[in-house]
Amino acid sequence: MRDISNTLKDLGATLVAITPQVPEHSRGLIGKHRLTFDLLSDPGNAYAAELGLRFEVAADLREIYGGFGIDLPAFNGDDSWTLPMPARLVVDRGGIVRAADIDPNHTQRPEPEKTIDDVRALG
């Protein structure tokens, strides 16, 4: 998304990302990846839950995360062991979702050009 943020801005769109990470951890991510859009915090994945996009990390995966040094409770600031399902929503000025790409497989993401096309379709 970072690579198309300027194109989206030129089209009059506002790009934001939502993460369960606490702001202290997000700041490092913003700097590391040179993000030029807002990264909002969703404590406890509450908004993701409202959208039906929150899932609990299975116990066996928690051990694997730990083996990689990923301390999800520390990053997210709670002990819920939940994550949001990757999703991309295109919302019009009236707050209506006009396009959605959601896949429980975090490796499956929409092509950036599709996001641009979806924003152009709002036209």
PDB file of N, CA and C in Angstrom:
ATOM      1  N   MET A   1       0.826  -1.187   0.000  1.00  0.00           N
ATOM      2  CA  MET A   1       0.000   0.000   0.000  1.00  0.00           C
ATOM      3  C   MET A   1       0.872   1.254   0.000  1.00  0.00           C
ATOM      4  N   ARG A   2       2.018   1.143   0.630  1.00  0.00           N
ATOM      5  CA  ARG A   2       2.919   2.300   0.664  1.00  0.00           C
ATOM      6  C   ARG A   2       3.229   2.782  -0.748  1.00  0.00           C
ATOM      7  N   ASP A   3       3.383   1.841  -1.678  1.00  0.00           N
ATOM      8  CA  ASP A   3       3.782   2.191  -3.034  1.00  0.00           C
ATOM      9  C   ASP A   3       2.692   2.913  -3.824  1.00  0.00           C
ATOM     10  N   ILE A   4       1.441   2.773  -3.405  1.00  0.00           N
ATOM     11  CA  ILE A   4       0.357   3.434  -4.144  1.00  0.00           C
ATOM     12  C   ILE A   4      -0.281   4.569  -3.352  1.00  0.00           C
ATOM     13  N   SER A   5       0.274   4.900  -2.195  1.00  0.00           N
ATOM     14  CA  SER A   5      -0.351   5.927  -1.355  1.00  0.00           C
ATOM     15  C   SER A   5      -0.419   7.281  -2.059  1.00  0.00           C
ATOM     16  N   ASN A   6       0.595   7.636  -2.816  1.00  0.00           N
ATOM     17  CA  ASN A   6       0.559   8.925  -3.528  1.00  0.00           C
ATOM     18  C   ASN A   6      -0.494   8.918  -4.634  1.00  0.00           C
ATOM     19  N   THR A   7      -0.616   7.801  -5.348  1.00  0.00           N
ATOM     20  CA  THR A   7      -1.640   7.696  -6.389  1.00  0.00           C
ATOM     21  C   THR A   7      -3.025   7.831  -5.778  1.00  0.00           C
ATOM     22  N   LEU A   8      -3.252   7.153  -4.661  1.00  0.00           N
ATOM     23  CA  LEU A   8      -4.554   7.245  -3.987  1.00  0.00           C
ATOM     24  C   LEU A   8      -4.828   8.676  -3.543  1.00  0.00           C
ATOM     25  N   LYS A   9      -3.809   9.336  -3.026  1.00  0.00           N
ATOM     26  CA  LYS A   9      -3.966  10.734  -2.602  1.00  0.00           C
ATOM     27  C   LYS A   9      -4.335  11.610  -3.801  1.00  0.00           C
ATOM     28  N   ASP A  10      -3.680  11.383  -4.932  1.00  0.00           N
ATOM     29  CA  ASP A  10      -3.985  12.144  -6.153  1.00  0.00           C
ATOM     30  C   ASP A  10      -5.429  11.921  -6.611  1.00  0.00           C
ATOM     31  N   LEU A  11      -5.979  10.748  -6.291  1.00  0.00           N
ATOM     32  CA  LEU A  11      -7.361  10.431  -6.655  1.00  0.00           C
ATOM     33  C   LEU A  11      -8.360  10.966  -5.614  1.00  0.00           C
ATOM     34  N   GLY A  12      -7.819  11.618  -4.583  1.00  0.00           N
ATOM     35  CA  GLY A  12      -8.687  12.185  -3.552  1.00  0.00           C
ATOM     36  C   GLY A  12      -9.052  11.217  -2.446  1.00  0.00           C
ATOM     37  N   ALA A  13      -8.377  10.082  -2.388  1.00  0.00           N
ATOM     38  CA  ALA A  13      -8.655   9.074  -1.369  1.00  0.00           C
ATOM     39  C   ALA A  13      -7.730   9.270  -0.170  1.00  0.00           C
ATOM     40  N   THR A  14      -8.197   8.830   0.965  1.00  0.00           N
ATOM     41  CA  THR A  14      -7.396   8.833   2.183  1.00  0.00           C
ATOM     42  C   THR A  14      -7.105   7.385   2.537  1.00  0.00           C
ATOM     43  N   LEU A  15      -5.844   7.068   2.691  1.00  0.00           N
ATOM     44  CA  LEU A  15      -5.423   5.715   3.030  1.00  0.00           C
ATOM     45  C   LEU A  15      -5.104   5.663   4.516  1.00  0.00           C
ATOM     46  N   VAL A  16      -5.691   4.699   5.208  1.00  0.00           N
ATOM     47  CA  VAL A  16      -5.353   4.438   6.603  1.00  0.00           C
ATOM     48  C   VAL A  16      -5.228   2.933   6.778  1.00  0.00           C
ATOM     49  N   ALA A  17      -4.412   2.543   7.719  1.00  0.00           N
ATOM     50  CA  ALA A  17      -4.292   1.136   8.098  1.00  0.00           C
ATOM     51  C   ALA A  17      -4.656   1.041   9.575  1.00  0.00           C
ATOM     52  N   ILE A  18      -5.214  -0.088   9.948  1.00  0.00           N
ATOM     53  CA  ILE A  18      -5.625  -0.302  11.332  1.00  0.00           C
ATOM     54  C   ILE A  18      -4.897  -1.533  11.851  1.00  0.00           C
ATOM     55  N   THR A  19      -4.299  -1.401  13.028  1.00  0.00           N
ATOM     56  CA  THR A  19      -3.523  -2.480  13.623  1.00  0.00           C
ATOM     57  C   THR A  19      -3.865  -2.619  15.102  1.00  0.00           C
ATOM     58  N   PRO A  20      -3.777  -3.838  15.625  1.00  0.00           N
ATOM     59  CA  PRO A  20      -3.975  -3.992  17.061  1.00  0.00           C
ATOM     60  C   PRO A  20      -2.737  -3.604  17.868  1.00  0.00           C
ATOM     61  N   GLN A  21      -1.638  -3.346  17.199  1.00  0.00           N
ATOM     62  CA  GLN A  21      -0.410  -3.004  17.914  1.00  0.00           C
ATOM     63  C   GLN A  21      -0.554  -1.696  18.674  1.00  0.00           C
ATOM     64  N   VAL A  22       0.089  -1.655  19.831  1.00  0.00           N
ATOM     65  CA  VAL A  22       0.108  -0.413  20.597  1.00  0.00           C
ATOM     66  C   VAL A  22       0.965   0.600  19.841  1.00  0.00           C
ATOM     67  N   PRO A  23       0.682   1.889  19.997  1.00  0.00           N
ATOM     68  CA  PRO A  23       1.395   2.915  19.223  1.00  0.00           C
ATOM     69  C   PRO A  23       2.915   2.850  19.321  1.00  0.00           C
ATOM     70  N   GLU A  24       3.454   2.456  20.474  1.00  0.00           N
ATOM     71  CA  GLU A  24       4.916   2.395  20.602  1.00  0.00           C
ATOM     72  C   GLU A  24       5.525   1.431  19.584  1.00  0.00           C
ATOM     73  N   HIS A  25       4.851   0.324  19.342  1.00  0.00           N
ATOM     74  CA  HIS A  25       5.360  -0.653  18.372  1.00  0.00           C
ATOM     75  C   HIS A  25       5.063  -0.214  16.939  1.00  0.00           C
ATOM     76  N   SER A  26       3.979   0.468  16.738  1.00  0.00           N
ATOM     77  CA  SER A  26       3.639   0.946  15.400  1.00  0.00           C
ATOM     78  C   SER A  26       4.624   2.001  14.920  1.00  0.00           C
ATOM     79  N   ARG A  27       5.100   2.831  15.830  1.00  0.00           N
ATOM     80  CA  ARG A  27       6.062   3.875  15.422  1.00  0.00           C
ATOM     81  C   ARG A  27       7.294   3.272  14.763  1.00  0.00           C
ATOM     82  N   GLY A  28       7.778   2.158  15.299  1.00  0.00           N
ATOM     83  CA  GLY A  28       8.924   1.489  14.690  1.00  0.00           C
ATOM     84  C   GLY A  28       8.601   0.974  13.305  1.00  0.00           C
ATOM     85  N   LEU A  29       7.409   0.451  13.141  1.00  0.00           N
ATOM     86  CA  LEU A  29       6.954  -0.054  11.850  1.00  0.00           C
ATOM     87  C   LEU A  29       6.848   1.078  10.831  1.00  0.00           C
ATOM     88  N   ILE A  30       6.317   2.201  11.262  1.00  0.00           N
ATOM     89  CA  ILE A  30       6.168   3.363  10.381  1.00  0.00           C
ATOM     90  C   ILE A  30       7.531   3.815   9.865  1.00  0.00           C
ATOM     91  N   GLY A  31       8.502   3.903  10.769  1.00  0.00           N
ATOM     92  CA  GLY A  31       9.842   4.324  10.366  1.00  0.00           C
ATOM     93  C   GLY A  31      10.544   3.300   9.494  1.00  0.00           C
ATOM     94  N   LYS A  32      10.458   2.051   9.895  1.00  0.00           N
ATOM     95  CA  LYS A  32      11.146   0.977   9.166  1.00  0.00           C
ATOM     96  C   LYS A  32      10.664   0.871   7.723  1.00  0.00           C
ATOM     97  N   HIS A  33       9.362   0.991   7.524  1.00  0.00           N
ATOM     98  CA  HIS A  33       8.793   0.833   6.182  1.00  0.00           C
ATOM     99  C   HIS A  33       8.485   2.165   5.508  1.00  0.00           C
ATOM    100  N   ARG A  34       8.870   3.253   6.146  1.00  0.00           N
ATOM    101  CA  ARG A  34       8.665   4.611   5.610  1.00  0.00           C
ATOM    102  C   ARG A  34       7.223   4.824   5.149  1.00  0.00           C
ATOM    103  N   LEU A  35       6.292   4.522   6.039  1.00  0.00           N
ATOM    104  CA  LEU A  35       4.876   4.668   5.714  1.00  0.00           C
ATOM    105  C   LEU A  35       4.500   6.143   5.677  1.00  0.00           C
ATOM    106  N   THR A  36       3.713   6.507   4.702  1.00  0.00           N
ATOM    107  CA  THR A  36       3.297   7.906   4.536  1.00  0.00           C
ATOM    108  C   THR A  36       1.796   8.075   4.773  1.00  0.00           C
ATOM    109  N   PHE A  37       1.179   7.072   5.377  1.00  0.00           N
ATOM    110  CA  PHE A  37      -0.252   7.143   5.676  1.00  0.00           C
ATOM    111  C   PHE A  37      -0.449   6.849   7.158  1.00  0.00           C
ATOM    112  N   ASP A  38      -1.637   7.150   7.645  1.00  0.00           N
ATOM    113  CA  ASP A  38      -1.926   6.964   9.063  1.00  0.00           C
ATOM    114  C   ASP A  38      -2.067   5.484   9.406  1.00  0.00           C
ATOM    115  N   LEU A  39      -1.512   5.131  10.553  1.00  0.00           N
ATOM    116  CA  LEU A  39      -1.621   3.785  11.089  1.00  0.00           C
ATOM    117  C   LEU A  39      -2.360   3.916  12.416  1.00  0.00           C
ATOM    118  N   LEU A  40      -3.619   3.494  12.423  1.00  0.00           N
ATOM    119  CA  LEU A  40      -4.476   3.649  13.591  1.00  0.00           C
ATOM    120  C   LEU A  40      -4.400   2.420  14.481  1.00  0.00           C
ATOM    121  N   SER A  41      -4.558   2.628  15.786  1.00  0.00           N
ATOM    122  CA  SER A  41      -4.499   1.539  16.749  1.00  0.00           C
ATOM    123  C   SER A  41      -5.914   1.049  17.086  1.00  0.00           C
ATOM    124  N   ASP A  42      -6.081  -0.268  17.088  1.00  0.00           N
ATOM    125  CA  ASP A  42      -7.350  -0.913  17.422  1.00  0.00           C
ATOM    126  C   ASP A  42      -7.119  -1.785  18.658  1.00  0.00           C
ATOM    127  N   PRO A  43      -7.180  -1.178  19.856  1.00  0.00           N
ATOM    128  CA  PRO A  43      -6.899  -1.941  21.078  1.00  0.00           C
ATOM    129  C   PRO A  43      -7.809  -3.159  21.213  1.00  0.00           C
ATOM    130  N   GLY A  44      -7.184  -4.304  21.479  1.00  0.00           N
ATOM    131  CA  GLY A  44      -7.927  -5.542  21.659  1.00  0.00           C
ATOM    132  C   GLY A  44      -8.618  -6.041  20.409  1.00  0.00           C
ATOM    133  N   ASN A  45      -8.277  -5.463  19.275  1.00  0.00           N
ATOM    134  CA  ASN A  45      -8.922  -5.831  18.009  1.00  0.00           C
ATOM    135  C   ASN A  45     -10.429  -5.626  18.077  1.00  0.00           C
ATOM    136  N   ALA A  46     -10.871  -4.636  18.848  1.00  0.00           N
ATOM    137  CA  ALA A  46     -12.303  -4.403  19.045  1.00  0.00           C
ATOM    138  C   ALA A  46     -13.014  -4.069  17.734  1.00  0.00           C
ATOM    139  N   TYR A  47     -12.416  -3.192  16.929  1.00  0.00           N
ATOM    140  CA  TYR A  47     -13.051  -2.832  15.653  1.00  0.00           C
ATOM    141  C   TYR A  47     -13.033  -4.023  14.695  1.00  0.00           C
ATOM    142  N   ALA A  48     -11.918  -4.749  14.675  1.00  0.00           N
ATOM    143  CA  ALA A  48     -11.845  -5.952  13.835  1.00  0.00           C
ATOM    144  C   ALA A  48     -12.947  -6.933  14.239  1.00  0.00           C
ATOM    145  N   ALA A  49     -13.208  -7.043  15.530  1.00  0.00           N
ATOM    146  CA  ALA A  49     -14.273  -7.938  16.002  1.00  0.00           C
ATOM    147  C   ALA A  49     -15.635  -7.459  15.513  1.00  0.00           C
ATOM    148  N   GLU A  50     -15.872  -6.143  15.558  1.00  0.00           N
ATOM    149  CA  GLU A  50     -17.140  -5.599  15.064  1.00  0.00           C
ATOM    150  C   GLU A  50     -17.356  -5.942  13.589  1.00  0.00           C
ATOM    151  N   LEU A  51     -16.269  -5.978  12.844  1.00  0.00           N
ATOM    152  CA  LEU A  51     -16.343  -6.288  11.414  1.00  0.00           C
ATOM    153  C   LEU A  51     -16.345  -7.795  11.141  1.00  0.00           C
ATOM    154  N   GLY A  52     -16.200  -8.594  12.193  1.00  0.00           N
ATOM    155  CA  GLY A  52     -16.143 -10.045  12.021  1.00  0.00           C
ATOM    156  C   GLY A  52     -14.812 -10.523  11.499  1.00  0.00           C
ATOM    157  N   LEU A  53     -13.764  -9.751  11.750  1.00  0.00           N
ATOM    158  CA  LEU A  53     -12.443 -10.053  11.190  1.00  0.00           C
ATOM    159  C   LEU A  53     -11.409 -10.458  12.233  1.00  0.00           C
ATOM    160  N   ARG A  54     -11.811 -10.611  13.487  1.00  0.00           N
ATOM    161  CA  ARG A  54     -10.858 -10.983  14.539  1.00  0.00           C
ATOM    162  C   ARG A  54     -10.876 -12.498  14.722  1.00  0.00           C
ATOM    163  N   PHE A  55      -9.672 -13.069  14.916  1.00  0.00           N
ATOM    164  CA  PHE A  55      -9.589 -14.497  15.218  1.00  0.00           C
ATOM    165  C   PHE A  55      -8.568 -14.709  16.325  1.00  0.00           C
ATOM    166  N   GLU A  56      -8.737 -15.807  17.046  1.00  0.00           N
ATOM    167  CA  GLU A  56      -7.817 -16.142  18.132  1.00  0.00           C
ATOM    168  C   GLU A  56      -6.700 -17.030  17.594  1.00  0.00           C
ATOM    169  N   VAL A  57      -5.485 -16.716  17.975  1.00  0.00           N
ATOM    170  CA  VAL A  57      -4.321 -17.507  17.574  1.00  0.00           C
ATOM    171  C   VAL A  57      -4.355 -18.819  18.363  1.00  0.00           C
ATOM    172  N   ALA A  58      -4.264 -19.937  17.649  1.00  0.00           N
ATOM    173  CA  ALA A  58      -4.306 -21.258  18.273  1.00  0.00           C
ATOM    174  C   ALA A  58      -3.113 -21.459  19.205  1.00  0.00           C
ATOM    175  N   ALA A  59      -3.317 -22.278  20.228  1.00  0.00           N
ATOM    176  CA  ALA A  59      -2.287 -22.506  21.239  1.00  0.00           C
ATOM    177  C   ALA A  59      -0.975 -23.003  20.635  1.00  0.00           C
ATOM    178  N   ASP A  60      -1.032 -23.917  19.653  1.00  0.00           N
ATOM    179  CA  ASP A  60       0.205 -24.431  19.059  1.00  0.00           C
ATOM    180  C   ASP A  60       0.954 -23.343  18.286  1.00  0.00           C
ATOM    181  N   LEU A  61       0.216 -22.405  17.710  1.00  0.00           N
ATOM    182  CA  LEU A  61       0.876 -21.298  16.997  1.00  0.00           C
ATOM    183  C   LEU A  61       1.504 -20.302  17.969  1.00  0.00           C
ATOM    184  N   ARG A  62       0.946 -20.189  19.150  1.00  0.00           N
ATOM    185  CA  ARG A  62       1.527 -19.291  20.159  1.00  0.00           C
ATOM    186  C   ARG A  62       2.967 -19.696  20.465  1.00  0.00           C
ATOM    187  N   GLU A  63       3.187 -20.999  20.563  1.00  0.00           N
ATOM    188  CA  GLU A  63       4.542 -21.497  20.817  1.00  0.00           C
ATOM    189  C   GLU A  63       5.475 -21.167  19.650  1.00  0.00           C
ATOM    190  N   ILE A  64       4.968 -21.310  18.441  1.00  0.00           N
ATOM    191  CA  ILE A  64       5.774 -20.994  17.255  1.00  0.00           C
ATOM    192  C   ILE A  64       6.109 -19.509  17.245  1.00  0.00           C
ATOM    193  N   TYR A  65       5.125 -18.656  17.529  1.00  0.00           N
ATOM    194  CA  TYR A  65       5.372 -17.214  17.603  1.00  0.00           C
ATOM    195  C   TYR A  65       6.490 -16.937  18.601  1.00  0.00           C
ATOM    196  N   GLY A  66       6.392 -17.581  19.777  1.00  0.00           N
ATOM    197  CA  GLY A  66       7.411 -17.391  20.808  1.00  0.00           C
ATOM    198  C   GLY A  66       8.790 -17.793  20.326  1.00  0.00           C
ATOM    199  N   GLY A  67       8.851 -18.878  19.539  1.00  0.00           N
ATOM    200  CA  GLY A  67      10.127 -19.327  18.986  1.00  0.00           C
ATOM    201  C   GLY A  67      10.763 -18.320  18.045  1.00  0.00           C
ATOM    202  N   PHE A  68       9.933 -17.477  17.431  1.00  0.00           N
ATOM    203  CA  PHE A  68      10.434 -16.423  16.548  1.00  0.00           C
ATOM    204  C   PHE A  68      10.619 -15.105  17.296  1.00  0.00           C
ATOM    205  N   GLY A  69      10.394 -15.142  18.605  1.00  0.00           N
ATOM    206  CA  GLY A  69      10.546 -13.925  19.404  1.00  0.00           C
ATOM    207  C   GLY A  69       9.375 -12.968  19.279  1.00  0.00           C
ATOM    208  N   ILE A  70       8.236 -13.463  18.820  1.00  0.00           N
ATOM    209  CA  ILE A  70       7.053 -12.614  18.673  1.00  0.00           C
ATOM    210  C   ILE A  70       6.229 -12.712  19.955  1.00  0.00           C
ATOM    211  N   ASP A  71       6.192 -11.624  20.689  1.00  0.00           N
ATOM    212  CA  ASP A  71       5.431 -11.552  21.936  1.00  0.00           C
ATOM    213  C   ASP A  71       4.157 -10.770  21.655  1.00  0.00           C
ATOM    214  N   LEU A  72       3.167 -11.471  21.128  1.00  0.00           N
ATOM    215  CA  LEU A  72       1.922 -10.825  20.705  1.00  0.00           C
ATOM    216  C   LEU A  72       1.262 -10.011  21.826  1.00  0.00           C
ATOM    217  N   PRO A  73       1.169 -10.534  23.058  1.00  0.00           N
ATOM    218  CA  PRO A  73       0.582  -9.708  24.118  1.00  0.00           C
ATOM    219  C   PRO A  73       1.339  -8.391  24.337  1.00  0.00           C
ATOM    220  N   ALA A  74       2.647  -8.402  24.229  1.00  0.00           N
ATOM    221  CA  ALA A  74       3.420  -7.167  24.398  1.00  0.00           C
ATOM    222  C   ALA A  74       3.183  -6.209  23.238  1.00  0.00           C
ATOM    223  N   PHE A  75       3.165  -6.726  22.018  1.00  0.00           N
ATOM    224  CA  PHE A  75       2.946  -5.877  20.847  1.00  0.00           C
ATOM    225  C   PHE A  75       1.548  -5.270  20.837  1.00  0.00           C
ATOM    226  N   ASN A  76       0.550  -6.081  21.261  1.00  0.00           N
ATOM    227  CA  ASN A  76      -0.829  -5.621  21.184  1.00  0.00           C
ATOM    228  C   ASN A  76      -1.359  -5.036  22.486  1.00  0.00           C
ATOM    229  N   GLY A  77      -0.597  -5.177  23.554  1.00  0.00           N
ATOM    230  CA  GLY A  77      -0.998  -4.554  24.812  1.00  0.00           C
ATOM    231  C   GLY A  77      -2.154  -5.246  25.514  1.00  0.00           C
ATOM    232  N   ASP A  78      -2.411  -6.505  25.189  1.00  0.00           N
ATOM    233  CA  ASP A  78      -3.436  -7.273  25.901  1.00  0.00           C
ATOM    234  C   ASP A  78      -3.109  -8.758  25.798  1.00  0.00           C
ATOM    235  N   ASP A  79      -3.783  -9.565  26.570  1.00  0.00           N
ATOM    236  CA  ASP A  79      -3.517 -11.002  26.591  1.00  0.00           C
ATOM    237  C   ASP A  79      -4.508 -11.820  25.774  1.00  0.00           C
ATOM    238  N   SER A  80      -5.194 -11.194  24.831  1.00  0.00           N
ATOM    239  CA  SER A  80      -6.251 -11.890  24.098  1.00  0.00           C
ATOM    240  C   SER A  80      -5.732 -12.894  23.065  1.00  0.00           C
ATOM    241  N   TRP A  81      -4.508 -12.741  22.622  1.00  0.00           N
ATOM    242  CA  TRP A  81      -3.954 -13.583  21.571  1.00  0.00           C
ATOM    243  C   TRP A  81      -4.871 -13.599  20.354  1.00  0.00           C
ATOM    244  N   THR A  82      -5.326 -12.405  19.964  1.00  0.00           N
ATOM    245  CA  THR A  82      -6.151 -12.286  18.770  1.00  0.00           C
ATOM    246  C   THR A  82      -5.430 -11.447  17.725  1.00  0.00           C
ATOM    247  N   LEU A  83      -5.780 -11.692  16.494  1.00  0.00           N
ATOM    248  CA  LEU A  83      -5.257 -10.930  15.358  1.00  0.00           C
ATOM    249  C   LEU A  83      -6.414 -10.591  14.423  1.00  0.00           C
ATOM    250  N   PRO A  84      -6.243  -9.527  13.634  1.00  0.00           N
ATOM    251  CA  PRO A  84      -7.260  -9.236  12.622  1.00  0.00           C
ATOM    252  C   PRO A  84      -6.957 -10.018  11.344  1.00  0.00           C
ATOM    253  N   MET A  85      -8.006 -10.430  10.669  1.00  0.00           N
ATOM    254  CA  MET A  85      -7.853 -11.042   9.363  1.00  0.00           C
ATOM    255  C   MET A  85      -7.459  -9.933   8.385  1.00  0.00           C
ATOM    256  N   PRO A  86      -6.477 -10.170   7.518  1.00  0.00           N
ATOM    257  CA  PRO A  86      -6.118  -9.131   6.555  1.00  0.00           C
ATOM    258  C   PRO A  86      -7.323  -8.736   5.691  1.00  0.00           C
ATOM    259  N   ALA A  87      -7.549  -7.449   5.599  1.00  0.00           N
ATOM    260  CA  ALA A  87      -8.676  -6.956   4.813  1.00  0.00           C
ATOM    261  C   ALA A  87      -8.333  -5.600   4.221  1.00  0.00           C
ATOM    262  N   ARG A  88      -8.903  -5.334   3.060  1.00  0.00           N
ATOM    263  CA  ARG A  88      -8.790  -4.023   2.436  1.00  0.00           C
ATOM    264  C   ARG A  88     -10.190  -3.600   2.052  1.00  0.00           C
ATOM    265  N   LEU A  89     -10.599  -2.451   2.568  1.00  0.00           N
ATOM    266  CA  LEU A  89     -11.933  -1.931   2.304  1.00  0.00           C
ATOM    267  C   LEU A  89     -11.820  -0.593   1.599  1.00  0.00           C
ATOM    268  N   VAL A  90     -12.647  -0.392   0.595  1.00  0.00           N
ATOM    269  CA  VAL A  90     -12.754   0.908  -0.056  1.00  0.00           C
ATOM    270  C   VAL A  90     -14.117   1.458   0.362  1.00  0.00           C
ATOM    271  N   VAL A  91     -14.073   2.592   1.055  1.00  0.00           N
ATOM    272  CA  VAL A  91     -15.269   3.188   1.637  1.00  0.00           C
ATOM    273  C   VAL A  91     -15.515   4.531   0.960  1.00  0.00           C
ATOM    274  N   ASP A  92     -16.761   4.778   0.550  1.00  0.00           N
ATOM    275  CA  ASP A  92     -17.054   6.056  -0.104  1.00  0.00           C
ATOM    276  C   ASP A  92     -17.225   7.171   0.927  1.00  0.00           C
ATOM    277  N   ARG A  93     -17.412   8.381   0.461  1.00  0.00           N
ATOM    278  CA  ARG A  93     -17.511   9.539   1.361  1.00  0.00           C
ATOM    279  C   ARG A  93     -18.696   9.451   2.312  1.00  0.00           C
ATOM    280  N   GLY A  94     -19.691   8.644   1.962  1.00  0.00           N
ATOM    281  CA  GLY A  94     -20.853   8.467   2.819  1.00  0.00           C
ATOM    282  C   GLY A  94     -20.694   7.354   3.849  1.00  0.00           C
ATOM    283  N   GLY A  95     -19.515   6.720   3.869  1.00  0.00           N
ATOM    284  CA  GLY A  95     -19.254   5.654   4.822  1.00  0.00           C
ATOM    285  C   GLY A  95     -19.726   4.284   4.378  1.00  0.00           C
ATOM    286  N   ILE A  96     -20.069   4.140   3.097  1.00  0.00           N
ATOM    287  CA  ILE A  96     -20.535   2.859   2.554  1.00  0.00           C
ATOM    288  C   ILE A  96     -19.341   2.094   1.974  1.00  0.00           C
ATOM    289  N   VAL A  97     -19.202   0.833   2.369  1.00  0.00           N
ATOM    290  CA  VAL A  97     -18.145  -0.005   1.817  1.00  0.00           C
ATOM    291  C   VAL A  97     -18.524  -0.358   0.381  1.00  0.00           C
ATOM    292  N   ARG A  98     -17.684   0.042  -0.559  1.00  0.00           N
ATOM    293  CA  ARG A  98     -17.939  -0.195  -1.979  1.00  0.00           C
ATOM    294  C   ARG A  98     -17.123  -1.337  -2.555  1.00  0.00           C
ATOM    295  N   ALA A  99     -16.033  -1.703  -1.887  1.00  0.00           N
ATOM    296  CA  ALA A  99     -15.208  -2.829  -2.332  1.00  0.00           C
ATOM    297  C   ALA A  99     -14.518  -3.406  -1.103  1.00  0.00           C
ATOM    298  N   ALA A 100     -14.393  -4.716  -1.088  1.00  0.00           N
ATOM    299  CA  ALA A 100     -13.730  -5.385   0.036  1.00  0.00           C
ATOM    300  C   ALA A 100     -12.941  -6.577  -0.479  1.00  0.00           C
ATOM    301  N   ASP A 101     -11.735  -6.700  -0.002  1.00  0.00           N
ATOM    302  CA  ASP A 101     -10.901  -7.862  -0.276  1.00  0.00           C
ATOM    303  C   ASP A 101     -10.471  -8.399   1.077  1.00  0.00           C
ATOM    304  N   ILE A 102     -10.965  -9.587   1.411  1.00  0.00           N
ATOM    305  CA  ILE A 102     -10.704 -10.200   2.708  1.00  0.00           C
ATOM    306  C   ILE A 102     -10.341 -11.651   2.460  1.00  0.00           C
ATOM    307  N   ASP A 103      -9.237 -12.081   3.047  1.00  0.00           N
ATOM    308  CA  ASP A 103      -8.822 -13.468   2.891  1.00  0.00           C
ATOM    309  C   ASP A 103      -8.160 -13.908   4.192  1.00  0.00           C
ATOM    310  N   PRO A 104      -8.611 -15.004   4.781  1.00  0.00           N
ATOM    311  CA  PRO A 104      -7.988 -15.457   6.026  1.00  0.00           C
ATOM    312  C   PRO A 104      -6.523 -15.859   5.851  1.00  0.00           C
ATOM    313  N   ASN A 105      -6.111 -16.103   4.623  1.00  0.00           N
ATOM    314  CA  ASN A 105      -4.709 -16.424   4.342  1.00  0.00           C
ATOM    315  C   ASN A 105      -3.947 -15.116   4.178  1.00  0.00           C
ATOM    316  N   HIS A 106      -3.123 -14.781   5.172  1.00  0.00           N
ATOM    317  CA  HIS A 106      -2.427 -13.491   5.157  1.00  0.00           C
ATOM    318  C   HIS A 106      -1.458 -13.325   3.989  1.00  0.00           C
ATOM    319  N   THR A 107      -1.150 -14.404   3.278  1.00  0.00           N
ATOM    320  CA  THR A 107      -0.246 -14.277   2.127  1.00  0.00           C
ATOM    321  C   THR A 107      -0.980 -13.886   0.857  1.00  0.00           C
ATOM    322  N   GLN A 108      -2.300 -13.916   0.886  1.00  0.00           N
ATOM    323  CA  GLN A 108      -3.112 -13.548  -0.274  1.00  0.00           C
ATOM    324  C   GLN A 108      -3.578 -12.109  -0.136  1.00  0.00           C
ATOM    325  N   ARG A 109      -3.003 -11.224  -0.893  1.00  0.00           N
ATOM    326  CA  ARG A 109      -3.360  -9.811  -0.833  1.00  0.00           C
ATOM    327  C   ARG A 109      -3.771  -9.336  -2.223  1.00  0.00           C
ATOM    328  N   PRO A 110      -4.683  -8.366  -2.280  1.00  0.00           N
ATOM    329  CA  PRO A 110      -5.066  -7.848  -3.597  1.00  0.00           C
ATOM    330  C   PRO A 110      -3.901  -7.086  -4.226  1.00  0.00           C
ATOM    331  N   GLU A 111      -3.861  -7.119  -5.526  1.00  0.00           N
ATOM    332  CA  GLU A 111      -2.847  -6.352  -6.238  1.00  0.00           C
ATOM    333  C   GLU A 111      -3.097  -4.864  -6.003  1.00  0.00           C
ATOM    334  N   PRO A 112      -2.061  -4.082  -5.842  1.00  0.00           N
ATOM    335  CA  PRO A 112      -2.239  -2.642  -5.636  1.00  0.00           C
ATOM    336  C   PRO A 112      -3.089  -1.984  -6.718  1.00  0.00           C
ATOM    337  N   GLU A 113      -2.945  -2.433  -7.953  1.00  0.00           N
ATOM    338  CA  GLU A 113      -3.716  -1.838  -9.055  1.00  0.00           C
ATOM    339  C   GLU A 113      -5.222  -2.037  -8.854  1.00  0.00           C
ATOM    340  N   LYS A 114      -5.601  -3.140  -8.220  1.00  0.00           N
ATOM    341  CA  LYS A 114      -7.026  -3.371  -7.950  1.00  0.00           C
ATOM    342  C   LYS A 114      -7.544  -2.322  -6.975  1.00  0.00           C
ATOM    343  N   THR A 115      -6.760  -1.966  -6.002  1.00  0.00           N
ATOM    344  CA  THR A 115      -7.169  -0.924  -5.058  1.00  0.00           C
ATOM    345  C   THR A 115      -7.364   0.382  -5.790  1.00  0.00           C
ATOM    346  N   ILE A 116      -6.446   0.717  -6.661  1.00  0.00           N
ATOM    347  CA  ILE A 116      -6.570   1.951  -7.451  1.00  0.00           C
ATOM    348  C   ILE A 116      -7.825   1.898  -8.325  1.00  0.00           C
ATOM    349  N   ASP A 117      -8.055   0.762  -8.974  1.00  0.00           N
ATOM    350  CA  ASP A 117      -9.252   0.607  -9.812  1.00  0.00           C
ATOM    351  C   ASP A 117     -10.532   0.757  -8.985  1.00  0.00           C
ATOM    352  N   ASP A 118     -10.548   0.184  -7.784  1.00  0.00           N
ATOM    353  CA  ASP A 118     -11.723   0.288  -6.916  1.00  0.00           C
ATOM    354  C   ASP A 118     -11.972   1.730  -6.497  1.00  0.00           C
ATOM    355  N   VAL A 119     -10.922   2.472  -6.233  1.00  0.00           N
ATOM    356  CA  VAL A 119     -11.077   3.890  -5.872  1.00  0.00           C
ATOM    357  C   VAL A 119     -11.547   4.680  -7.093  1.00  0.00           C
ATOM    358  N   ARG A 120     -10.982   4.412  -8.244  1.00  0.00           N
ATOM    359  CA  ARG A 120     -11.426   5.103  -9.472  1.00  0.00           C
ATOM    360  C   ARG A 120     -12.897   4.851  -9.761  1.00  0.00           C
ATOM    361  N   ALA A 121     -13.378   3.636  -9.439  1.00  0.00           N
ATOM    362  CA  ALA A 121     -14.777   3.276  -9.687  1.00  0.00           C
ATOM    363  C   ALA A 121     -15.728   4.109  -8.839  1.00  0.00           C
ATOM    364  N   LEU A 122     -15.245   4.709  -7.775  1.00  0.00           N
ATOM    365  CA  LEU A 122     -16.092   5.572  -6.945  1.00  0.00           C
ATOM    366  C   LEU A 122     -16.461   6.848  -7.695  1.00  0.00           C
ATOM    367  N   GLY A 123     -15.587   7.197  -8.642  1.00  0.00           N
ATOM    368  CA  GLY A 123     -15.604   8.320  -9.484  1.00  0.00           C
ATOM    369  C   GLY A 123     -16.619   9.317  -9.503  1.00  0.00           C
TER     370      GLY A 123
END
